[in-house]
Amino acid sequence: MRRLLISLVACQALVACAPAKTPTASSAPVAQSGPSCAASGGFLERRGRMGAELCVHRYADAGKACHDKADCQGRCIADREGGLPAAGEPASGKCQADDRLFGCFAEVRDGKAQPGLCID
């Protein structure tokens, strides 16, 4: 009986060690041809250090004043006058221009700056 109990505990421990599913990157740039990009309402543009050709879609509310992502189609990006605001500092921003954001920026959520992030 004792061996059975030890075997069951060992099996449970092994099952608990099973690797988690690998997350998939859904926001990774997807190569699109000119015609299919245009058909989706976008335009092709080279961006980032690698100059990758990406299909870019502009947001209708680009540049609108915001205090949270809920105010925008994309993200609410902190105004950069004088550099990025410190995380947690009260901040206002402008709605993201398009769906391919590159460079250094800080998001604004609930009127507060989030930690800065650089994407290239």
PDB file of N, CA and C in Angstrom:
ATOM      1  N   MET A   1       0.819  -1.182   0.000  1.00  0.00           N
ATOM      2  CA  MET A   1       0.000   0.000   0.000  1.00  0.00           C
ATOM      3  C   MET A   1       0.869   1.254   0.000  1.00  0.00           C
ATOM      4  N   ARG A   2       1.943   1.169   0.780  1.00  0.00           N
ATOM      5  CA  ARG A   2       2.849   2.303   0.872  1.00  0.00           C
ATOM      6  C   ARG A   2       3.502   2.573  -0.483  1.00  0.00           C
ATOM      7  N   ARG A   3       3.885   1.534  -1.212  1.00  0.00           N
ATOM      8  CA  ARG A   3       4.498   1.693  -2.539  1.00  0.00           C
ATOM      9  C   ARG A   3       3.516   2.343  -3.512  1.00  0.00           C
ATOM     10  N   LEU A   4       2.260   1.950  -3.429  1.00  0.00           N
ATOM     11  CA  LEU A   4       1.235   2.517  -4.294  1.00  0.00           C
ATOM     12  C   LEU A   4       1.089   4.018  -4.031  1.00  0.00           C
ATOM     13  N   LEU A   5       1.070   4.386  -2.777  1.00  0.00           N
ATOM     14  CA  LEU A   5       0.945   5.792  -2.408  1.00  0.00           C
ATOM     15  C   LEU A   5       2.156   6.588  -2.904  1.00  0.00           C
ATOM     16  N   ILE A   6       3.341   6.059  -2.735  1.00  0.00           N
ATOM     17  CA  ILE A   6       4.563   6.722  -3.202  1.00  0.00           C
ATOM     18  C   ILE A   6       4.543   6.849  -4.718  1.00  0.00           C
ATOM     19  N   SER A   7       4.092   5.813  -5.412  1.00  0.00           N
ATOM     20  CA  SER A   7       4.007   5.851  -6.876  1.00  0.00           C
ATOM     21  C   SER A   7       3.030   6.928  -7.340  1.00  0.00           C
ATOM     22  N   LEU A   8       1.879   7.031  -6.685  1.00  0.00           N
ATOM     23  CA  LEU A   8       0.889   8.050  -7.051  1.00  0.00           C
ATOM     24  C   LEU A   8       1.438   9.462  -6.835  1.00  0.00           C
ATOM     25  N   VAL A   9       2.110   9.681  -5.724  1.00  0.00           N
ATOM     26  CA  VAL A   9       2.696  10.992  -5.435  1.00  0.00           C
ATOM     27  C   VAL A   9       3.770  11.317  -6.469  1.00  0.00           C
ATOM     28  N   ALA A  10       4.589  10.343  -6.832  1.00  0.00           N
ATOM     29  CA  ALA A  10       5.637  10.559  -7.833  1.00  0.00           C
ATOM     30  C   ALA A  10       5.031  10.898  -9.191  1.00  0.00           C
ATOM     31  N   CYS A  11       3.961  10.205  -9.572  1.00  0.00           N
ATOM     32  CA  CYS A  11       3.290  10.490 -10.853  1.00  0.00           C
ATOM     33  C   CYS A  11       2.713  11.899 -10.861  1.00  0.00           C
ATOM     34  N   GLN A  12       2.110  12.305  -9.762  1.00  0.00           N
ATOM     35  CA  GLN A  12       1.555  13.657  -9.687  1.00  0.00           C
ATOM     36  C   GLN A  12       2.663  14.701  -9.801  1.00  0.00           C
ATOM     37  N   ALA A  13       3.790  14.437  -9.189  1.00  0.00           N
ATOM     38  CA  ALA A  13       4.909  15.379  -9.265  1.00  0.00           C
ATOM     39  C   ALA A  13       5.419  15.497 -10.695  1.00  0.00           C
ATOM     40  N   LEU A  14       5.483  14.379 -11.412  1.00  0.00           N
ATOM     41  CA  LEU A  14       5.941  14.413 -12.801  1.00  0.00           C
ATOM     42  C   LEU A  14       4.956  15.149 -13.697  1.00  0.00           C
ATOM     43  N   VAL A  15       3.682  14.939 -13.490  1.00  0.00           N
ATOM     44  CA  VAL A  15       2.662  15.616 -14.292  1.00  0.00           C
ATOM     45  C   VAL A  15       2.722  17.117 -14.042  1.00  0.00           C
ATOM     46  N   ALA A  16       2.966  17.508 -12.816  1.00  0.00           N
ATOM     47  CA  ALA A  16       3.045  18.932 -12.480  1.00  0.00           C
ATOM     48  C   ALA A  16       4.246  19.599 -13.140  1.00  0.00           C
ATOM     49  N   CYS A  17       5.247  18.820 -13.517  1.00  0.00           N
ATOM     50  CA  CYS A  17       6.448  19.368 -14.148  1.00  0.00           C
ATOM     51  C   CYS A  17       6.330  19.469 -15.662  1.00  0.00           C
ATOM     52  N   ALA A  18       5.191  19.119 -16.211  1.00  0.00           N
ATOM     53  CA  ALA A  18       5.019  19.186 -17.668  1.00  0.00           C
ATOM     54  C   ALA A  18       5.190  20.636 -18.125  1.00  0.00           C
ATOM     55  N   PRO A  19       5.888  20.845 -19.247  1.00  0.00           N
ATOM     56  CA  PRO A  19       6.116  22.213 -19.710  1.00  0.00           C
ATOM     57  C   PRO A  19       4.812  22.893 -20.102  1.00  0.00           C
ATOM     58  N   ALA A  20       4.762  24.190 -19.836  1.00  0.00           N
ATOM     59  CA  ALA A  20       3.580  24.973 -20.215  1.00  0.00           C
ATOM     60  C   ALA A  20       3.577  25.166 -21.720  1.00  0.00           C
ATOM     61  N   LYS A  21       2.405  25.442 -22.255  1.00  0.00           N
ATOM     62  CA  LYS A  21       2.312  25.700 -23.687  1.00  0.00           C
ATOM     63  C   LYS A  21       3.102  26.953 -24.021  1.00  0.00           C
ATOM     64  N   THR A  22       3.786  26.933 -25.137  1.00  0.00           N
ATOM     65  CA  THR A  22       4.558  28.085 -25.568  1.00  0.00           C
ATOM     66  C   THR A  22       3.615  29.147 -26.109  1.00  0.00           C
ATOM     67  N   PRO A  23       3.717  30.390 -25.562  1.00  0.00           N
ATOM     68  CA  PRO A  23       2.832  31.438 -26.076  1.00  0.00           C
ATOM     69  C   PRO A  23       3.195  31.799 -27.505  1.00  0.00           C
ATOM     70  N   THR A  24       2.207  32.174 -28.270  1.00  0.00           N
ATOM     71  CA  THR A  24       2.454  32.585 -29.642  1.00  0.00           C
ATOM     72  C   THR A  24       2.387  34.094 -29.723  1.00  0.00           C
ATOM     73  N   ALA A  25       3.208  34.664 -30.560  1.00  0.00           N
ATOM     74  CA  ALA A  25       3.241  36.113 -30.735  1.00  0.00           C
ATOM     75  C   ALA A  25       2.208  36.513 -31.774  1.00  0.00           C
ATOM     76  N   SER A  26       1.127  37.124 -31.326  1.00  0.00           N
ATOM     77  CA  SER A  26       0.077  37.517 -32.259  1.00  0.00           C
ATOM     78  C   SER A  26       0.320  38.898 -32.843  1.00  0.00           C
ATOM     79  N   SER A  27       1.206  39.698 -32.214  1.00  0.00           N
ATOM     80  CA  SER A  27       1.425  41.051 -32.700  1.00  0.00           C
ATOM     81  C   SER A  27       2.662  41.161 -33.592  1.00  0.00           C
ATOM     82  N   ALA A  28       3.268  40.033 -33.923  1.00  0.00           N
ATOM     83  CA  ALA A  28       4.446  40.073 -34.781  1.00  0.00           C
ATOM     84  C   ALA A  28       4.068  40.555 -36.178  1.00  0.00           C
ATOM     85  N   PRO A  29       4.940  41.383 -36.790  1.00  0.00           N
ATOM     86  CA  PRO A  29       4.640  41.863 -38.137  1.00  0.00           C
ATOM     87  C   PRO A  29       4.472  40.706 -39.111  1.00  0.00           C
ATOM     88  N   VAL A  30       3.466  40.791 -39.922  1.00  0.00           N
ATOM     89  CA  VAL A  30       3.190  39.767 -40.918  1.00  0.00           C
ATOM     90  C   VAL A  30       3.451  40.361 -42.288  1.00  0.00           C
ATOM     91  N   ALA A  31       4.231  39.656 -43.109  1.00  0.00           N
ATOM     92  CA  ALA A  31       4.517  40.138 -44.458  1.00  0.00           C
ATOM     93  C   ALA A  31       3.231  40.137 -45.267  1.00  0.00           C
ATOM     94  N   GLN A  32       3.011  41.241 -45.970  1.00  0.00           N
ATOM     95  CA  GLN A  32       1.822  41.368 -46.799  1.00  0.00           C
ATOM     96  C   GLN A  32       2.245  41.999 -48.108  1.00  0.00           C
ATOM     97  N   SER A  33       1.636  41.585 -49.186  1.00  0.00           N
ATOM     98  CA  SER A  33       1.951  42.178 -50.484  1.00  0.00           C
ATOM     99  C   SER A  33       1.267  43.533 -50.595  1.00  0.00           C
ATOM    100  N   GLY A  34       1.742  44.356 -51.524  1.00  0.00           N
ATOM    101  CA  GLY A  34       1.152  45.672 -51.746  1.00  0.00           C
ATOM    102  C   GLY A  34      -0.343  45.627 -51.982  1.00  0.00           C
ATOM    103  N   PRO A  35      -0.811  44.791 -52.923  1.00  0.00           N
ATOM    104  CA  PRO A  35      -2.252  44.745 -53.187  1.00  0.00           C
ATOM    105  C   PRO A  35      -3.084  44.286 -51.984  1.00  0.00           C
ATOM    106  N   SER A  36      -2.614  43.272 -51.245  1.00  0.00           N
ATOM    107  CA  SER A  36      -3.402  42.806 -50.097  1.00  0.00           C
ATOM    108  C   SER A  36      -3.367  43.831 -48.968  1.00  0.00           C
ATOM    109  N   CYS A  37      -2.260  44.555 -48.842  1.00  0.00           N
ATOM    110  CA  CYS A  37      -2.162  45.610 -47.835  1.00  0.00           C
ATOM    111  C   CYS A  37      -3.140  46.732 -48.170  1.00  0.00           C
ATOM    112  N   ALA A  38      -3.127  47.168 -49.413  1.00  0.00           N
ATOM    113  CA  ALA A  38      -4.035  48.236 -49.848  1.00  0.00           C
ATOM    114  C   ALA A  38      -5.493  47.804 -49.697  1.00  0.00           C
ATOM    115  N   ALA A  39      -5.771  46.539 -49.991  1.00  0.00           N
ATOM    116  CA  ALA A  39      -7.139  46.029 -49.870  1.00  0.00           C
ATOM    117  C   ALA A  39      -7.617  46.058 -48.417  1.00  0.00           C
ATOM    118  N   SER A  40      -6.679  45.968 -47.473  1.00  0.00           N
ATOM    119  CA  SER A  40      -7.051  46.003 -46.054  1.00  0.00           C
ATOM    120  C   SER A  40      -7.049  47.432 -45.506  1.00  0.00           C
ATOM    121  N   GLY A  41      -6.837  48.419 -46.396  1.00  0.00           N
ATOM    122  CA  GLY A  41      -6.866  49.823 -45.983  1.00  0.00           C
ATOM    123  C   GLY A  41      -5.531  50.361 -45.524  1.00  0.00           C
ATOM    124  N   GLY A  42      -4.455  49.645 -45.800  1.00  0.00           N
ATOM    125  CA  GLY A  42      -3.134  50.069 -45.354  1.00  0.00           C
ATOM    126  C   GLY A  42      -2.239  50.507 -46.489  1.00  0.00           C
ATOM    127  N   PHE A  43      -0.986  50.778 -46.138  1.00  0.00           N
ATOM    128  CA  PHE A  43       0.035  51.129 -47.116  1.00  0.00           C
ATOM    129  C   PHE A  43       1.350  50.511 -46.658  1.00  0.00           C
ATOM    130  N   LEU A  44       2.235  50.206 -47.602  1.00  0.00           N
ATOM    131  CA  LEU A  44       3.526  49.610 -47.271  1.00  0.00           C
ATOM    132  C   LEU A  44       4.524  50.702 -46.932  1.00  0.00           C
ATOM    133  N   GLU A  45       5.300  50.457 -45.870  1.00  0.00           N
ATOM    134  CA  GLU A  45       6.324  51.423 -45.467  1.00  0.00           C
ATOM    135  C   GLU A  45       7.444  50.670 -44.764  1.00  0.00           C
ATOM    136  N   ARG A  46       8.677  51.115 -44.979  1.00  0.00           N
ATOM    137  CA  ARG A  46       9.834  50.507 -44.304  1.00  0.00           C
ATOM    138  C   ARG A  46      10.007  51.181 -42.951  1.00  0.00           C
ATOM    139  N   ARG A  47      10.125  50.359 -41.906  1.00  0.00           N
ATOM    140  CA  ARG A  47      10.263  50.890 -40.550  1.00  0.00           C
ATOM    141  C   ARG A  47      11.263  50.071 -39.756  1.00  0.00           C
ATOM    142  N   GLY A  48      11.761  50.672 -38.693  1.00  0.00           N
ATOM    143  CA  GLY A  48      12.678  50.000 -37.783  1.00  0.00           C
ATOM    144  C   GLY A  48      14.100  49.989 -38.304  1.00  0.00           C
ATOM    145  N   ARG A  49      15.013  49.536 -37.474  1.00  0.00           N
ATOM    146  CA  ARG A  49      16.434  49.496 -37.841  1.00  0.00           C
ATOM    147  C   ARG A  49      16.696  48.571 -39.016  1.00  0.00           C
ATOM    148  N   MET A  50      15.917  47.517 -39.110  1.00  0.00           N
ATOM    149  CA  MET A  50      16.112  46.562 -40.199  1.00  0.00           C
ATOM    150  C   MET A  50      15.428  47.016 -41.483  1.00  0.00           C
ATOM    151  N   GLY A  51      14.648  48.083 -41.406  1.00  0.00           N
ATOM    152  CA  GLY A  51      13.961  48.573 -42.598  1.00  0.00           C
ATOM    153  C   GLY A  51      12.962  47.571 -43.150  1.00  0.00           C
ATOM    154  N   ALA A  52      12.312  46.847 -42.258  1.00  0.00           N
ATOM    155  CA  ALA A  52      11.327  45.851 -42.688  1.00  0.00           C
ATOM    156  C   ALA A  52      10.144  46.541 -43.353  1.00  0.00           C
ATOM    157  N   GLU A  53       9.704  46.000 -44.470  1.00  0.00           N
ATOM    158  CA  GLU A  53       8.539  46.546 -45.159  1.00  0.00           C
ATOM    159  C   GLU A  53       7.284  46.005 -44.476  1.00  0.00           C
ATOM    160  N   LEU A  54       6.510  46.911 -43.905  1.00  0.00           N
ATOM    161  CA  LEU A  54       5.330  46.531 -43.137  1.00  0.00           C
ATOM    162  C   LEU A  54       4.074  47.156 -43.714  1.00  0.00           C
ATOM    163  N   CYS A  55       2.970  46.497 -43.519  1.00  0.00           N
ATOM    164  CA  CYS A  55       1.668  47.035 -43.900  1.00  0.00           C
ATOM    165  C   CYS A  55       1.188  47.882 -42.719  1.00  0.00           C
ATOM    166  N   VAL A  56       1.015  49.175 -42.953  1.00  0.00           N
ATOM    167  CA  VAL A  56       0.672  50.131 -41.898  1.00  0.00           C
ATOM    168  C   VAL A  56      -0.763  50.612 -42.085  1.00  0.00           C
ATOM    169  N   HIS A  57      -1.509  50.651 -41.002  1.00  0.00           N
ATOM    170  CA  HIS A  57      -2.893  51.147 -41.017  1.00  0.00           C
ATOM    171  C   HIS A  57      -2.985  52.341 -40.070  1.00  0.00           C
ATOM    172  N   ARG A  58      -3.406  53.473 -40.575  1.00  0.00           N
ATOM    173  CA  ARG A  58      -3.570  54.673 -39.746  1.00  0.00           C
ATOM    174  C   ARG A  58      -4.838  54.547 -38.898  1.00  0.00           C
ATOM    175  N   TYR A  59      -4.782  55.132 -37.700  1.00  0.00           N
ATOM    176  CA  TYR A  59      -5.951  55.186 -36.832  1.00  0.00           C
ATOM    177  C   TYR A  59      -6.691  56.496 -37.077  1.00  0.00           C
ATOM    178  N   ALA A  60      -8.012  56.436 -37.081  1.00  0.00           N
ATOM    179  CA  ALA A  60      -8.841  57.616 -37.349  1.00  0.00           C
ATOM    180  C   ALA A  60      -8.669  58.691 -36.276  1.00  0.00           C
ATOM    181  N   ASP A  61      -8.352  58.287 -35.039  1.00  0.00           N
ATOM    182  CA  ASP A  61      -8.228  59.259 -33.947  1.00  0.00           C
ATOM    183  C   ASP A  61      -6.773  59.657 -33.667  1.00  0.00           C
ATOM    184  N   ALA A  62      -5.876  59.429 -34.619  1.00  0.00           N
ATOM    185  CA  ALA A  62      -4.450  59.744 -34.450  1.00  0.00           C
ATOM    186  C   ALA A  62      -4.257  61.184 -33.994  1.00  0.00           C
ATOM    187  N   GLY A  63      -3.455  61.364 -32.934  1.00  0.00           N
ATOM    188  CA  GLY A  63      -3.125  62.695 -32.446  1.00  0.00           C
ATOM    189  C   GLY A  63      -4.138  63.306 -31.493  1.00  0.00           C
ATOM    190  N   LYS A  64      -5.261  62.636 -31.263  1.00  0.00           N
ATOM    191  CA  LYS A  64      -6.287  63.151 -30.345  1.00  0.00           C
ATOM    192  C   LYS A  64      -5.757  63.105 -28.912  1.00  0.00           C
ATOM    193  N   ALA A  65      -6.088  64.111 -28.099  1.00  0.00           N
ATOM    194  CA  ALA A  65      -5.671  64.132 -26.695  1.00  0.00           C
ATOM    195  C   ALA A  65      -6.310  62.954 -25.956  1.00  0.00           C
ATOM    196  N   CYS A  66      -5.544  62.340 -25.047  1.00  0.00           N
ATOM    197  CA  CYS A  66      -6.048  61.172 -24.318  1.00  0.00           C
ATOM    198  C   CYS A  66      -5.443  61.087 -22.925  1.00  0.00           C
ATOM    199  N   HIS A  67      -6.090  60.279 -22.082  1.00  0.00           N
ATOM    200  CA  HIS A  67      -5.595  59.997 -20.732  1.00  0.00           C
ATOM    201  C   HIS A  67      -5.562  58.498 -20.444  1.00  0.00           C
ATOM    202  N   ASP A  68      -6.011  57.688 -21.435  1.00  0.00           N
ATOM    203  CA  ASP A  68      -6.058  56.243 -21.252  1.00  0.00           C
ATOM    204  C   ASP A  68      -6.266  55.577 -22.611  1.00  0.00           C
ATOM    205  N   LYS A  69      -5.888  54.307 -22.725  1.00  0.00           N
ATOM    206  CA  LYS A  69      -6.076  53.551 -23.966  1.00  0.00           C
ATOM    207  C   LYS A  69      -7.543  53.531 -24.396  1.00  0.00           C
ATOM    208  N   ALA A  70      -8.459  53.581 -23.436  1.00  0.00           N
ATOM    209  CA  ALA A  70      -9.888  53.550 -23.759  1.00  0.00           C
ATOM    210  C   ALA A  70     -10.310  54.757 -24.592  1.00  0.00           C
ATOM    211  N   ASP A  71      -9.498  55.818 -24.579  1.00  0.00           N
ATOM    212  CA  ASP A  71      -9.790  57.026 -25.357  1.00  0.00           C
ATOM    213  C   ASP A  71      -9.371  56.882 -26.814  1.00  0.00           C
ATOM    214  N   CYS A  72      -8.666  55.805 -27.164  1.00  0.00           N
ATOM    215  CA  CYS A  72      -8.039  55.670 -28.483  1.00  0.00           C
ATOM    216  C   CYS A  72      -8.341  54.327 -29.142  1.00  0.00           C
ATOM    217  N   GLN A  73      -8.161  54.285 -30.465  1.00  0.00           N
ATOM    218  CA  GLN A  73      -8.226  53.013 -31.188  1.00  0.00           C
ATOM    219  C   GLN A  73      -6.972  52.202 -30.891  1.00  0.00           C
ATOM    220  N   GLY A  74      -5.829  52.862 -30.812  1.00  0.00           N
ATOM    221  CA  GLY A  74      -4.554  52.226 -30.481  1.00  0.00           C
ATOM    222  C   GLY A  74      -4.212  52.518 -29.025  1.00  0.00           C
ATOM    223  N   ARG A  75      -2.962  52.883 -28.790  1.00  0.00           N
ATOM    224  CA  ARG A  75      -2.511  53.208 -27.440  1.00  0.00           C
ATOM    225  C   ARG A  75      -2.549  54.720 -27.210  1.00  0.00           C
ATOM    226  N   CYS A  76      -2.597  55.116 -25.956  1.00  0.00           N
ATOM    227  CA  CYS A  76      -2.455  56.521 -25.574  1.00  0.00           C
ATOM    228  C   CYS A  76      -0.976  56.705 -25.245  1.00  0.00           C
ATOM    229  N   ILE A  77      -0.273  57.513 -26.050  1.00  0.00           N
ATOM    230  CA  ILE A  77       1.176  57.686 -25.919  1.00  0.00           C
ATOM    231  C   ILE A  77       1.482  59.017 -25.238  1.00  0.00           C
ATOM    232  N   ALA A  78       2.301  58.976 -24.187  1.00  0.00           N
ATOM    233  CA  ALA A  78       2.637  60.177 -23.416  1.00  0.00           C
ATOM    234  C   ALA A  78       3.305  61.224 -24.288  1.00  0.00           C
ATOM    235  N   ASP A  79       2.965  62.493 -24.017  1.00  0.00           N
ATOM    236  CA  ASP A  79       3.648  63.598 -24.686  1.00  0.00           C
ATOM    237  C   ASP A  79       5.108  63.550 -24.268  1.00  0.00           C
ATOM    238  N   ARG A  80       6.024  63.819 -25.220  1.00  0.00           N
ATOM    239  CA  ARG A  80       7.454  63.648 -24.948  1.00  0.00           C
ATOM    240  C   ARG A  80       8.204  64.954 -24.761  1.00  0.00           C
ATOM    241  N   GLU A  81       7.527  66.036 -24.518  1.00  0.00           N
ATOM    242  CA  GLU A  81       8.233  67.298 -24.314  1.00  0.00           C
ATOM    243  C   GLU A  81       9.155  67.152 -23.113  1.00  0.00           C
ATOM    244  N   GLY A  82      10.459  67.295 -23.332  1.00  0.00           N
ATOM    245  CA  GLY A  82      11.423  67.153 -22.247  1.00  0.00           C
ATOM    246  C   GLY A  82      11.758  65.710 -21.919  1.00  0.00           C
ATOM    247  N   GLY A  83      11.428  64.771 -22.773  1.00  0.00           N
ATOM    248  CA  GLY A  83      11.739  63.364 -22.543  1.00  0.00           C
ATOM    249  C   GLY A  83      10.536  62.589 -22.034  1.00  0.00           C
ATOM    250  N   LEU A  84      10.750  61.318 -21.781  1.00  0.00           N
ATOM    251  CA  LEU A  84       9.659  60.462 -21.305  1.00  0.00           C
ATOM    252  C   LEU A  84       9.346  60.780 -19.844  1.00  0.00           C
ATOM    253  N   PRO A  85       8.072  60.792 -19.473  1.00  0.00           N
ATOM    254  CA  PRO A  85       7.728  61.015 -18.065  1.00  0.00           C
ATOM    255  C   PRO A  85       8.110  59.796 -17.225  1.00  0.00           C
ATOM    256  N   ALA A  86       8.307  60.031 -15.939  1.00  0.00           N
ATOM    257  CA  ALA A  86       8.624  58.933 -15.024  1.00  0.00           C
ATOM    258  C   ALA A  86       7.384  58.065 -14.821  1.00  0.00           C
ATOM    259  N   ALA A  87       7.599  56.776 -14.663  1.00  0.00           N
ATOM    260  CA  ALA A  87       6.486  55.844 -14.439  1.00  0.00           C
ATOM    261  C   ALA A  87       5.707  56.251 -13.194  1.00  0.00           C
ATOM    262  N   GLY A  88       4.380  56.279 -13.311  1.00  0.00           N
ATOM    263  CA  GLY A  88       3.517  56.633 -12.196  1.00  0.00           C
ATOM    264  C   GLY A  88       3.204  58.115 -12.105  1.00  0.00           C
ATOM    265  N   GLU A  89       3.933  58.923 -12.857  1.00  0.00           N
ATOM    266  CA  GLU A  89       3.730  60.376 -12.855  1.00  0.00           C
ATOM    267  C   GLU A  89       2.440  60.720 -13.605  1.00  0.00           C
ATOM    268  N   PRO A  90       1.673  61.714 -13.136  1.00  0.00           N
ATOM    269  CA  PRO A  90       0.488  62.126 -13.895  1.00  0.00           C
ATOM    270  C   PRO A  90       0.900  62.542 -15.307  1.00  0.00           C
ATOM    271  N   ALA A  91       0.149  62.109 -16.299  1.00  0.00           N
ATOM    272  CA  ALA A  91       0.519  62.395 -17.689  1.00  0.00           C
ATOM    273  C   ALA A  91      -0.709  62.431 -18.579  1.00  0.00           C
ATOM    274  N   SER A  92      -0.562  63.142 -19.675  1.00  0.00           N
ATOM    275  CA  SER A  92      -1.567  63.118 -20.736  1.00  0.00           C
ATOM    276  C   SER A  92      -0.829  62.711 -21.996  1.00  0.00           C
ATOM    277  N   GLY A  93      -1.555  62.379 -23.017  1.00  0.00           N
ATOM    278  CA  GLY A  93      -0.894  61.936 -24.237  1.00  0.00           C
ATOM    279  C   GLY A  93      -1.716  62.209 -25.461  1.00  0.00           C
ATOM    280  N   LYS A  94      -1.285  61.571 -26.535  1.00  0.00           N
ATOM    281  CA  LYS A  94      -1.982  61.654 -27.815  1.00  0.00           C
ATOM    282  C   LYS A  94      -2.182  60.228 -28.321  1.00  0.00           C
ATOM    283  N   CYS A  95      -3.287  60.019 -29.016  1.00  0.00           N
ATOM    284  CA  CYS A  95      -3.571  58.687 -29.551  1.00  0.00           C
ATOM    285  C   CYS A  95      -2.537  58.304 -30.605  1.00  0.00           C
ATOM    286  N   GLN A  96      -2.125  57.068 -30.565  1.00  0.00           N
ATOM    287  CA  GLN A  96      -1.158  56.487 -31.494  1.00  0.00           C
ATOM    288  C   GLN A  96      -1.601  56.731 -32.934  1.00  0.00           C
ATOM    289  N   ALA A  97      -0.639  57.064 -33.807  1.00  0.00           N
ATOM    290  CA  ALA A  97      -0.948  57.407 -35.201  1.00  0.00           C
ATOM    291  C   ALA A  97      -1.353  56.201 -36.042  1.00  0.00           C
ATOM    292  N   ASP A  98      -0.659  55.061 -35.843  1.00  0.00           N
ATOM    293  CA  ASP A  98      -0.935  53.884 -36.666  1.00  0.00           C
ATOM    294  C   ASP A  98      -0.606  52.617 -35.899  1.00  0.00           C
ATOM    295  N   ASP A  99      -0.805  51.470 -36.541  1.00  0.00           N
ATOM    296  CA  ASP A  99      -0.639  50.188 -35.858  1.00  0.00           C
ATOM    297  C   ASP A  99       0.790  49.652 -35.862  1.00  0.00           C
ATOM    298  N   ARG A 100       1.756  50.435 -36.280  1.00  0.00           N
ATOM    299  CA  ARG A 100       3.164  50.003 -36.291  1.00  0.00           C
ATOM    300  C   ARG A 100       4.015  51.011 -35.531  1.00  0.00           C
ATOM    301  N   LEU A 101       3.942  50.964 -34.214  1.00  0.00           N
ATOM    302  CA  LEU A 101       4.631  51.914 -33.349  1.00  0.00           C
ATOM    303  C   LEU A 101       6.085  51.495 -33.154  1.00  0.00           C
ATOM    304  N   PHE A 102       7.000  52.388 -33.492  1.00  0.00           N
ATOM    305  CA  PHE A 102       8.430  52.156 -33.296  1.00  0.00           C
ATOM    306  C   PHE A 102       9.013  53.312 -32.503  1.00  0.00           C
ATOM    307  N   GLY A 103      10.186  53.096 -31.905  1.00  0.00           N
ATOM    308  CA  GLY A 103      10.865  54.136 -31.147  1.00  0.00           C
ATOM    309  C   GLY A 103      10.614  53.982 -29.657  1.00  0.00           C
ATOM    310  N   CYS A 104      11.006  55.012 -28.904  1.00  0.00           N
ATOM    311  CA  CYS A 104      10.841  54.995 -27.452  1.00  0.00           C
ATOM    312  C   CYS A 104       9.592  55.779 -27.073  1.00  0.00           C
ATOM    313  N   PHE A 105       8.808  55.223 -26.174  1.00  0.00           N
ATOM    314  CA  PHE A 105       7.561  55.864 -25.773  1.00  0.00           C
ATOM    315  C   PHE A 105       7.123  55.328 -24.418  1.00  0.00           C
ATOM    316  N   ALA A 106       6.169  56.023 -23.821  1.00  0.00           N
ATOM    317  CA  ALA A 106       5.533  55.562 -22.587  1.00  0.00           C
ATOM    318  C   ALA A 106       4.030  55.640 -22.803  1.00  0.00           C
ATOM    319  N   GLU A 107       3.339  54.582 -22.455  1.00  0.00           N
ATOM    320  CA  GLU A 107       1.876  54.593 -22.544  1.00  0.00           C
ATOM    321  C   GLU A 107       1.306  55.367 -21.360  1.00  0.00           C
ATOM    322  N   VAL A 108       0.101  55.898 -21.541  1.00  0.00           N
ATOM    323  CA  VAL A 108      -0.623  56.550 -20.452  1.00  0.00           C
ATOM    324  C   VAL A 108      -1.844  55.693 -20.148  1.00  0.00           C
ATOM    325  N   ARG A 109      -1.996  55.319 -18.874  1.00  0.00           N
ATOM    326  CA  ARG A 109      -3.164  54.551 -18.428  1.00  0.00           C
ATOM    327  C   ARG A 109      -3.720  55.223 -17.181  1.00  0.00           C
ATOM    328  N   ASP A 110      -5.001  55.454 -17.187  1.00  0.00           N
ATOM    329  CA  ASP A 110      -5.666  56.125 -16.057  1.00  0.00           C
ATOM    330  C   ASP A 110      -4.971  57.435 -15.688  1.00  0.00           C
ATOM    331  N   GLY A 111      -4.481  58.167 -16.695  1.00  0.00           N
ATOM    332  CA  GLY A 111      -3.853  59.463 -16.461  1.00  0.00           C
ATOM    333  C   GLY A 111      -2.460  59.402 -15.878  1.00  0.00           C
ATOM    334  N   LYS A 112      -1.841  58.208 -15.859  1.00  0.00           N
ATOM    335  CA  LYS A 112      -0.489  58.054 -15.310  1.00  0.00           C
ATOM    336  C   LYS A 112       0.423  57.394 -16.329  1.00  0.00           C
ATOM    337  N   ALA A 113       1.660  57.879 -16.386  1.00  0.00           N
ATOM    338  CA  ALA A 113       2.649  57.317 -17.305  1.00  0.00           C
ATOM    339  C   ALA A 113       3.043  55.916 -16.852  1.00  0.00           C
ATOM    340  N   GLN A 114       3.192  55.034 -17.818  1.00  0.00           N
ATOM    341  CA  GLN A 114       3.682  53.679 -17.573  1.00  0.00           C
ATOM    342  C   GLN A 114       5.191  53.673 -17.841  1.00  0.00           C
ATOM    343  N   PRO A 115       5.914  52.630 -17.447  1.00  0.00           N
ATOM    344  CA  PRO A 115       7.351  52.581 -17.734  1.00  0.00           C
ATOM    345  C   PRO A 115       7.616  52.718 -19.232  1.00  0.00           C
ATOM    346  N   GLY A 116       8.693  53.428 -19.570  1.00  0.00           N
ATOM    347  CA  GLY A 116       9.064  53.633 -20.968  1.00  0.00           C
ATOM    348  C   GLY A 116       9.434  52.327 -21.651  1.00  0.00           C
ATOM    349  N   LEU A 117       9.277  52.322 -22.970  1.00  0.00           N
ATOM    350  CA  LEU A 117       9.545  51.136 -23.774  1.00  0.00           C
ATOM    351  C   LEU A 117      10.128  51.581 -25.105  1.00  0.00           C
ATOM    352  N   CYS A 118      11.123  50.873 -25.603  1.00  0.00           N
ATOM    353  CA  CYS A 118      11.696  51.173 -26.916  1.00  0.00           C
ATOM    354  C   CYS A 118      11.506  49.965 -27.820  1.00  0.00           C
ATOM    355  N   ILE A 119      10.910  50.199 -28.986  1.00  0.00           N
ATOM    356  CA  ILE A 119      10.679  49.134 -29.966  1.00  0.00           C
ATOM    357  C   ILE A 119      11.376  49.523 -31.248  1.00  0.00           C
ATOM    358  N   ASP A 120      12.175  48.607 -31.765  1.00  0.00           N
ATOM    359  CA  ASP A 120      12.831  48.888 -33.036  1.00  0.00           C
ATOM    360  C   ASP A 120      12.717  47.688 -33.909  1.00  0.00           C
TER     361      ASP A 120
END
